[in-house]
Amino acid sequence: MNLVLGMLRAIRREMAEMREDIRELKHRMSTVEQQVALMISSEMSHYASVSTRLDRLHERVERIKRRLEIVPAK
């Protein structure tokens, strides 16, 4: 009987350790997910900024072309 109780206690101890490991992994995974979300948000912000700048540059080039009469005015 003591042998079975000893084995059950060992199993319970291992399960408690596994629960703690899983809890820690969940926490770490949440941290990784937050960091990825921040990176994606940052990249989207940079993309929007570059896109806006390219649009303005395109407009300036078109205006220069019109002033130099390279293309007909619209």
N, C-alpha and C. Protein backbone atom coordinates (compact mmCIF):
# COMPACT_ATOMS: atom_id res chain seq x y z
N MET A 1 0.82 -1.20 0.00
CA MET A 1 0.00 0.00 0.00
C MET A 1 0.86 1.26 0.00
N ASN A 2 1.94 1.28 0.80
CA ASN A 2 2.83 2.44 0.84
C ASN A 2 3.48 2.69 -0.51
N LEU A 3 3.75 1.62 -1.24
CA LEU A 3 4.35 1.75 -2.57
C LEU A 3 3.41 2.51 -3.50
N VAL A 4 2.13 2.17 -3.48
CA VAL A 4 1.14 2.84 -4.33
C VAL A 4 0.99 4.30 -3.93
N LEU A 5 0.92 4.57 -2.62
CA LEU A 5 0.81 5.94 -2.16
C LEU A 5 2.02 6.76 -2.57
N GLY A 6 3.20 6.17 -2.46
CA GLY A 6 4.43 6.85 -2.87
C GLY A 6 4.41 7.18 -4.34
N MET A 7 3.93 6.25 -5.16
CA MET A 7 3.85 6.48 -6.61
C MET A 7 2.83 7.57 -6.93
N LEU A 8 1.69 7.53 -6.23
CA LEU A 8 0.66 8.55 -6.46
C LEU A 8 1.17 9.95 -6.08
N ARG A 9 1.91 10.02 -4.97
CA ARG A 9 2.48 11.30 -4.57
C ARG A 9 3.49 11.81 -5.59
N ALA A 10 4.30 10.90 -6.11
CA ALA A 10 5.27 11.28 -7.13
C ALA A 10 4.55 11.79 -8.39
N ILE A 11 3.48 11.11 -8.76
CA ILE A 11 2.70 11.53 -9.94
C ILE A 11 2.10 12.91 -9.70
N ARG A 12 1.53 13.13 -8.50
CA ARG A 12 0.94 14.44 -8.17
C ARG A 12 2.00 15.54 -8.21
N ARG A 13 3.19 15.24 -7.71
CA ARG A 13 4.28 16.21 -7.70
C ARG A 13 4.69 16.57 -9.14
N GLU A 14 4.80 15.55 -9.97
CA GLU A 14 5.15 15.79 -11.37
C GLU A 14 4.06 16.58 -12.09
N MET A 15 2.81 16.29 -11.79
CA MET A 15 1.71 17.03 -12.41
C MET A 15 1.73 18.49 -11.98
N ALA A 16 2.03 18.73 -10.71
CA ALA A 16 2.12 20.11 -10.22
C ALA A 16 3.24 20.85 -10.95
N GLU A 17 4.37 20.19 -11.14
CA GLU A 17 5.48 20.81 -11.89
C GLU A 17 5.07 21.08 -13.32
N MET A 18 4.35 20.15 -13.92
CA MET A 18 3.91 20.34 -15.31
C MET A 18 2.93 21.50 -15.41
N ARG A 19 2.03 21.62 -14.42
CA ARG A 19 1.09 22.75 -14.42
C ARG A 19 1.85 24.07 -14.36
N GLU A 20 2.86 24.12 -13.50
CA GLU A 20 3.66 25.34 -13.37
C GLU A 20 4.40 25.64 -14.68
N ASP A 21 4.95 24.61 -15.30
CA ASP A 21 5.64 24.80 -16.59
C ASP A 21 4.66 25.32 -17.65
N ILE A 22 3.47 24.76 -17.69
CA ILE A 22 2.47 25.19 -18.67
C ILE A 22 2.06 26.63 -18.40
N ARG A 23 1.88 26.97 -17.12
CA ARG A 23 1.54 28.35 -16.75
C ARG A 23 2.62 29.32 -17.24
N GLU A 24 3.89 28.94 -17.02
CA GLU A 24 5.00 29.79 -17.47
C GLU A 24 5.04 29.90 -18.99
N LEU A 25 4.82 28.78 -19.68
CA LEU A 25 4.82 28.81 -21.15
C LEU A 25 3.68 29.68 -21.69
N LYS A 26 2.52 29.62 -21.06
CA LYS A 26 1.42 30.47 -21.49
C LYS A 26 1.77 31.94 -21.33
N HIS A 27 2.40 32.28 -20.22
CA HIS A 27 2.81 33.65 -19.98
C HIS A 27 3.82 34.10 -21.03
N ARG A 28 4.81 33.25 -21.29
CA ARG A 28 5.83 33.59 -22.28
C ARG A 28 5.22 33.72 -23.67
N MET A 29 4.28 32.85 -24.00
CA MET A 29 3.63 32.90 -25.30
C MET A 29 2.83 34.20 -25.45
N SER A 30 2.17 34.61 -24.39
CA SER A 30 1.43 35.89 -24.42
C SER A 30 2.38 37.05 -24.68
N THR A 31 3.54 37.01 -24.06
CA THR A 31 4.54 38.05 -24.28
C THR A 31 5.00 38.07 -25.73
N VAL A 32 5.25 36.91 -26.30
CA VAL A 32 5.66 36.82 -27.70
C VAL A 32 4.56 37.36 -28.61
N GLU A 33 3.32 36.99 -28.33
CA GLU A 33 2.21 37.48 -29.14
C GLU A 33 2.11 39.01 -29.09
N GLN A 34 2.30 39.57 -27.91
CA GLN A 34 2.25 41.03 -27.78
C GLN A 34 3.38 41.68 -28.58
N GLN A 35 4.57 41.10 -28.51
CA GLN A 35 5.71 41.67 -29.24
C GLN A 35 5.48 41.59 -30.75
N VAL A 36 4.94 40.49 -31.22
CA VAL A 36 4.65 40.34 -32.65
C VAL A 36 3.60 41.37 -33.09
N ALA A 37 2.57 41.56 -32.27
CA ALA A 37 1.54 42.55 -32.59
C ALA A 37 2.14 43.95 -32.68
N LEU A 38 3.05 44.27 -31.76
CA LEU A 38 3.71 45.58 -31.80
C LEU A 38 4.56 45.73 -33.05
N MET A 39 5.26 44.66 -33.43
CA MET A 39 6.09 44.71 -34.63
C MET A 39 5.23 44.92 -35.87
N ILE A 40 4.13 44.20 -35.95
CA ILE A 40 3.23 44.33 -37.11
C ILE A 40 2.67 45.74 -37.17
N SER A 41 2.25 46.25 -36.02
CA SER A 41 1.70 47.60 -35.96
C SER A 41 2.74 48.62 -36.42
N SER A 42 3.96 48.44 -35.96
CA SER A 42 5.04 49.35 -36.33
C SER A 42 5.31 49.29 -37.83
N GLU A 43 5.35 48.08 -38.37
CA GLU A 43 5.61 47.92 -39.80
C GLU A 43 4.49 48.54 -40.64
N MET A 44 3.25 48.37 -40.21
CA MET A 44 2.13 48.95 -40.95
C MET A 44 2.21 50.48 -40.92
N SER A 45 2.61 51.01 -39.79
CA SER A 45 2.77 52.46 -39.67
C SER A 45 3.85 52.96 -40.62
N HIS A 46 4.97 52.24 -40.68
CA HIS A 46 6.05 52.62 -41.59
C HIS A 46 5.59 52.53 -43.05
N TYR A 47 4.86 51.48 -43.37
CA TYR A 47 4.36 51.30 -44.73
C TYR A 47 3.45 52.46 -45.12
N ALA A 48 2.55 52.85 -44.21
CA ALA A 48 1.64 53.95 -44.50
C ALA A 48 2.41 55.25 -44.70
N SER A 49 3.43 55.46 -43.90
CA SER A 49 4.24 56.67 -44.03
C SER A 49 4.96 56.71 -45.36
N VAL A 50 5.56 55.60 -45.75
CA VAL A 50 6.28 55.54 -47.02
C VAL A 50 5.31 55.71 -48.18
N SER A 51 4.15 55.10 -48.09
CA SER A 51 3.15 55.21 -49.14
C SER A 51 2.72 56.66 -49.33
N THR A 52 2.49 57.36 -48.23
CA THR A 52 2.10 58.77 -48.29
C THR A 52 3.20 59.60 -48.93
N ARG A 53 4.42 59.35 -48.54
CA ARG A 53 5.54 60.12 -49.10
C ARG A 53 5.69 59.85 -50.60
N LEU A 54 5.49 58.61 -51.01
CA LEU A 54 5.57 58.29 -52.44
C LEU A 54 4.46 58.99 -53.22
N ASP A 55 3.28 59.04 -52.64
CA ASP A 55 2.17 59.75 -53.32
C ASP A 55 2.51 61.22 -53.50
N ARG A 56 3.05 61.84 -52.45
CA ARG A 56 3.42 63.26 -52.56
C ARG A 56 4.53 63.45 -53.58
N LEU A 57 5.49 62.56 -53.62
CA LEU A 57 6.58 62.65 -54.58
C LEU A 57 6.05 62.53 -56.00
N HIS A 58 5.13 61.61 -56.21
CA HIS A 58 4.52 61.44 -57.53
C HIS A 58 3.82 62.73 -57.98
N GLU A 59 3.08 63.34 -57.05
CA GLU A 59 2.39 64.59 -57.38
C GLU A 59 3.40 65.69 -57.74
N ARG A 60 4.48 65.76 -57.03
CA ARG A 60 5.51 66.79 -57.30
C ARG A 60 6.15 66.56 -58.67
N VAL A 61 6.44 65.31 -58.99
CA VAL A 61 7.04 65.00 -60.29
C VAL A 61 6.07 65.37 -61.41
N GLU A 62 4.80 65.06 -61.23
CA GLU A 62 3.80 65.41 -62.25
C GLU A 62 3.72 66.93 -62.42
N ARG A 63 3.76 67.66 -61.32
CA ARG A 63 3.71 69.13 -61.40
C ARG A 63 4.95 69.66 -62.12
N ILE A 64 6.12 69.11 -61.85
CA ILE A 64 7.35 69.53 -62.53
C ILE A 64 7.26 69.25 -64.02
N LYS A 65 6.73 68.08 -64.37
CA LYS A 65 6.59 67.72 -65.79
C LYS A 65 5.66 68.69 -66.51
N ARG A 66 4.58 69.09 -65.83
CA ARG A 66 3.65 70.05 -66.45
C ARG A 66 4.32 71.41 -66.63
N ARG A 67 5.07 71.84 -65.63
CA ARG A 67 5.73 73.15 -65.73
C ARG A 67 6.78 73.15 -66.83
N LEU A 68 7.46 72.05 -67.01
CA LEU A 68 8.45 71.95 -68.08
C LEU A 68 7.83 71.60 -69.42
N GLU A 69 6.50 71.46 -69.39
CA GLU A 69 5.73 71.11 -70.58
C GLU A 69 6.19 69.79 -71.21
N ILE A 70 6.56 68.87 -70.34
CA ILE A 70 6.94 67.53 -70.79
C ILE A 70 5.69 66.73 -71.11
N VAL A 71 4.65 66.94 -70.34
CA VAL A 71 3.36 66.30 -70.59
C VAL A 71 2.30 67.38 -70.67
N PRO A 72 1.27 67.17 -71.42
CA PRO A 72 0.21 68.17 -71.50
C PRO A 72 -0.52 68.32 -70.17
N ALA A 73 -0.93 69.54 -69.85
CA ALA A 73 -1.69 69.79 -68.61
C ALA A 73 -3.05 69.13 -68.71
N LYS A 74 -3.55 68.70 -67.59
CA LYS A 74 -4.87 68.03 -67.59
C LYS A 74 -5.98 69.02 -67.48
